[in-house]
Amino acid sequence: MRTIVNQNIESYLSNRYHYNQPVRVAVIPFDVPETFARPGEDMHHFGRRLAKNFQEELLQRGTFSIVELFDRESWPGKRDDFFSGNYQSIDYARNAGYDFVLIGHMQDIRNDEQLVVYSKLIDVSNSVTVWSAKATVTSSQREINKGVDSVFKGTGRPELFYFSDQAEEVARCTVEEMIMADTVPEP
């Protein structure tokens, strides 16, 4: 069984750490459907892109001293681990000397408008999930482009899904809620 606190992160940190003690966060590349995790260059692995977006947002907020991408994108059972205890993620982060680990899971795509991402911030010293969320970002940009394309005949690109824009938005909104919220209801 895991405890989920879902409280304001700054409050949690002030209760657990000395004010000038550096706090290290590992951001593990998010678990994404296989079609979004092409091998090769990092820019083609959407799970790594999501993690990078979260890292950038956390760094921009300045709540944590150190926020690093953890260079471990997959292992056997990673998807199952997210929904059944996060033991491997916690072990990897703890063994690497991190205080927290941020992990995420992208739900399989069900339509061309929504991107659904689950995320958790876990204190690796006590295995407590300090914060968790399910974020859904909706974009009508693809439909709008199809409409413009039908009027102007061939100027748009209806095949574009705008996932990069949605990934930036899901990271921005999730981190904002994580850092700023006093209390967030359990998902």
Protein backbone atom coordinates (compact mmCIF):
# COMPACT_ATOMS: atom_id res chain seq x y z
CA MET A 1 0.00 0.00 0.00
CA ARG A 2 1.22 3.51 -0.82
CA THR A 3 0.45 6.78 0.86
CA ILE A 4 -0.54 9.66 -1.40
CA VAL A 5 -0.22 13.05 0.27
CA ASN A 6 -1.14 15.44 -2.58
CA GLN A 7 -0.17 18.52 -0.69
CA ASN A 8 1.69 21.68 -1.55
CA ILE A 9 5.22 20.65 -2.48
CA GLU A 10 6.91 23.70 -0.94
CA SER A 11 5.19 22.95 2.36
CA TYR A 12 6.23 19.30 2.19
CA LEU A 13 9.84 20.27 1.46
CA SER A 14 10.00 22.79 4.30
CA ASN A 15 8.82 20.11 6.74
CA ARG A 16 11.30 17.47 5.51
CA TYR A 17 14.47 19.40 4.60
CA HIS A 18 16.62 22.17 6.01
CA TYR A 19 16.01 25.42 4.10
CA ASN A 20 19.39 25.47 2.33
CA GLN A 21 19.73 21.71 1.77
CA PRO A 22 19.83 20.85 -1.95
CA VAL A 23 17.00 18.55 -3.00
CA ARG A 24 17.59 16.32 -6.06
CA VAL A 25 14.79 15.19 -8.35
CA ALA A 26 15.15 12.49 -11.02
CA VAL A 27 12.72 12.74 -13.92
CA ILE A 28 12.43 9.36 -15.59
CA PRO A 29 11.34 9.35 -19.25
CA PHE A 30 7.60 8.78 -19.25
CA ASP A 31 6.05 5.50 -20.28
CA VAL A 32 4.34 6.04 -23.63
CA PRO A 33 2.72 3.78 -26.25
CA GLU A 34 5.30 2.02 -28.44
CA THR A 35 4.44 4.12 -31.49
CA PHE A 36 5.56 7.19 -29.52
CA ALA A 37 8.85 5.65 -28.38
CA ARG A 38 10.83 5.26 -31.56
CA PRO A 39 14.44 4.18 -31.01
CA GLY A 40 17.32 6.42 -32.02
CA GLU A 41 17.49 10.13 -31.49
CA ASP A 42 16.04 11.48 -28.23
CA MET A 43 13.79 13.91 -30.08
CA HIS A 44 11.80 10.98 -31.51
CA HIS A 45 11.09 9.41 -28.12
CA PHE A 46 7.94 11.14 -26.86
CA GLY A 47 8.37 9.81 -23.31
CA ARG A 48 11.76 11.51 -23.11
CA ARG A 49 10.21 14.71 -24.56
CA LEU A 50 7.50 14.67 -21.90
CA ALA A 51 10.09 14.16 -19.17
CA LYS A 52 12.18 17.03 -20.58
CA ASN A 53 9.11 19.30 -20.56
CA PHE A 54 8.47 18.44 -16.90
CA GLN A 55 12.14 18.99 -16.05
CA GLU A 56 12.12 22.43 -17.70
CA GLU A 57 8.94 23.44 -15.88
CA LEU A 58 10.27 22.27 -12.50
CA LEU A 59 13.55 24.12 -13.04
CA GLN A 60 11.70 27.26 -14.05
CA ARG A 61 9.66 27.19 -10.80
CA GLY A 62 12.83 26.91 -8.70
CA THR A 63 11.25 24.78 -5.99
CA PHE A 64 13.88 22.05 -6.29
CA SER A 65 17.63 22.70 -6.31
CA ILE A 66 18.49 19.96 -8.81
CA VAL A 67 16.17 18.46 -11.44
CA GLU A 68 17.79 15.99 -13.82
CA LEU A 69 16.65 13.68 -16.55
CA PHE A 70 17.38 10.15 -15.42
CA ASP A 71 18.93 8.20 -18.28
CA ARG A 72 16.82 5.08 -17.90
CA GLU A 73 13.88 5.05 -20.26
CA SER A 74 12.67 1.47 -20.05
CA TRP A 75 12.95 -1.79 -18.18
CA PRO A 76 10.86 -4.96 -18.09
CA GLY A 77 7.56 -4.23 -16.34
CA LYS A 78 7.90 -0.43 -16.36
CA ARG A 79 4.25 0.15 -17.32
CA ASP A 80 2.99 -2.30 -14.69
CA ASP A 81 5.31 -0.73 -12.10
CA PHE A 82 3.60 2.66 -12.53
CA PHE A 83 0.25 1.25 -11.42
CA SER A 84 1.50 -1.21 -8.81
CA GLY A 85 3.93 0.46 -6.43
CA ASN A 86 6.70 2.12 -8.45
CA TYR A 87 9.28 -0.08 -6.74
CA GLN A 88 11.76 -0.13 -9.64
CA SER A 89 11.54 3.63 -10.18
CA ILE A 90 12.09 4.28 -6.49
CA ASP A 91 15.03 1.84 -6.33
CA TYR A 92 16.71 3.35 -9.39
CA ALA A 93 16.34 6.89 -8.05
CA ARG A 94 17.40 5.97 -4.50
CA ASN A 95 20.48 4.09 -5.73
CA ALA A 96 21.48 7.11 -7.83
CA GLY A 97 21.26 9.42 -4.81
CA TYR A 98 18.05 11.30 -5.64
CA ASP A 99 15.60 12.56 -3.02
CA PHE A 100 12.55 12.44 -5.30
CA VAL A 101 11.58 10.75 -8.52
CA LEU A 102 9.04 12.08 -11.00
CA ILE A 103 7.48 9.39 -13.16
CA GLY A 104 4.72 9.46 -15.73
CA HIS A 105 2.54 7.38 -17.98
CA MET A 106 0.81 8.50 -21.17
CA GLN A 107 -2.51 6.83 -21.83
CA ASP A 108 -3.01 5.23 -25.24
CA ILE A 109 -4.38 7.78 -27.73
CA ARG A 110 -8.14 7.43 -28.13
CA ASN A 111 -8.85 10.43 -30.36
CA ASP A 112 -7.05 13.22 -32.19
CA GLU A 113 -7.92 15.92 -29.66
CA GLN A 114 -6.82 14.63 -26.25
CA LEU A 115 -3.57 13.74 -24.58
CA VAL A 116 -3.89 12.10 -21.14
CA VAL A 117 -0.86 11.86 -18.86
CA TYR A 118 -0.61 10.46 -15.33
CA SER A 119 2.29 11.67 -13.20
CA LYS A 120 3.64 11.07 -9.69
CA LEU A 121 6.25 12.72 -7.53
CA ILE A 122 7.63 10.23 -5.01
CA ASP A 123 9.83 10.83 -1.97
CA VAL A 124 12.33 7.98 -2.37
CA SER A 125 13.44 8.02 1.29
CA ASN A 126 10.05 6.81 2.53
CA SER A 127 8.34 5.70 -0.73
CA VAL A 128 5.54 8.20 -0.24
CA THR A 129 3.79 9.53 -3.33
CA VAL A 130 3.80 13.19 -2.41
CA TRP A 131 1.79 14.28 -5.41
CA SER A 132 -0.07 12.56 -8.24
CA ALA A 133 -2.24 13.73 -11.08
CA LYS A 134 -4.12 12.79 -14.19
CA ALA A 135 -3.90 15.61 -16.71
CA THR A 136 -5.93 15.82 -19.89
CA VAL A 137 -5.03 18.39 -22.51
CA THR A 138 -7.48 19.00 -25.33
CA SER A 139 -6.63 20.68 -28.62
CA SER A 140 -8.94 21.43 -31.53
CA GLN A 141 -6.06 22.64 -33.70
CA ARG A 142 -6.14 19.59 -35.97
CA GLU A 143 -9.86 20.08 -36.72
CA ILE A 144 -9.34 23.80 -37.26
CA ASN A 145 -6.56 23.07 -39.75
CA LYS A 146 -8.76 20.60 -41.61
CA GLY A 147 -11.42 23.30 -41.93
CA VAL A 148 -8.93 25.89 -43.15
CA ASP A 149 -7.51 23.36 -45.58
CA SER A 150 -10.95 22.66 -47.05
CA VAL A 151 -11.51 26.39 -47.67
CA PHE A 152 -8.06 27.20 -49.03
CA LYS A 153 -7.45 23.86 -50.76
CA GLY A 154 -4.23 22.24 -49.73
CA THR A 155 -2.60 24.86 -47.52
CA GLY A 156 -2.91 22.95 -44.25
CA ARG A 157 -1.42 19.73 -42.95
CA PRO A 158 -4.31 17.73 -41.47
CA GLU A 159 -1.99 14.86 -40.55
CA LEU A 160 -0.37 16.95 -37.80
CA PHE A 161 -1.62 16.05 -34.33
CA TYR A 162 0.11 18.85 -32.34
CA PHE A 163 1.34 16.42 -29.67
CA SER A 164 4.40 18.58 -28.93
CA ASP A 165 2.19 21.54 -28.07
CA GLN A 166 -0.01 19.32 -25.93
CA ALA A 167 3.04 17.88 -24.15
CA GLU A 168 4.26 21.36 -23.24
CA GLU A 169 0.81 22.29 -21.97
CA VAL A 170 0.37 19.13 -19.89
CA ALA A 171 3.76 19.72 -18.23
CA ARG A 172 3.07 23.40 -17.60
CA CYS A 173 -0.37 22.81 -16.08
CA THR A 174 0.67 19.79 -14.02
CA VAL A 175 3.76 21.42 -12.51
CA GLU A 176 1.85 24.63 -11.83
CA GLU A 177 -0.81 22.68 -9.96
CA MET A 178 1.83 20.59 -8.18
CA ILE A 179 3.75 23.60 -6.91
CA MET A 180 0.91 26.04 -6.32
CA ALA A 181 -1.97 23.92 -5.04
CA ASP A 182 -2.70 23.78 -1.33
CA THR A 183 -4.59 20.53 -1.50
CA VAL A 184 -5.43 18.50 -4.55
CA PRO A 185 -8.15 15.85 -4.42
CA GLU A 186 -7.01 12.27 -4.90
CA PRO A 187 -7.43 10.97 -8.46
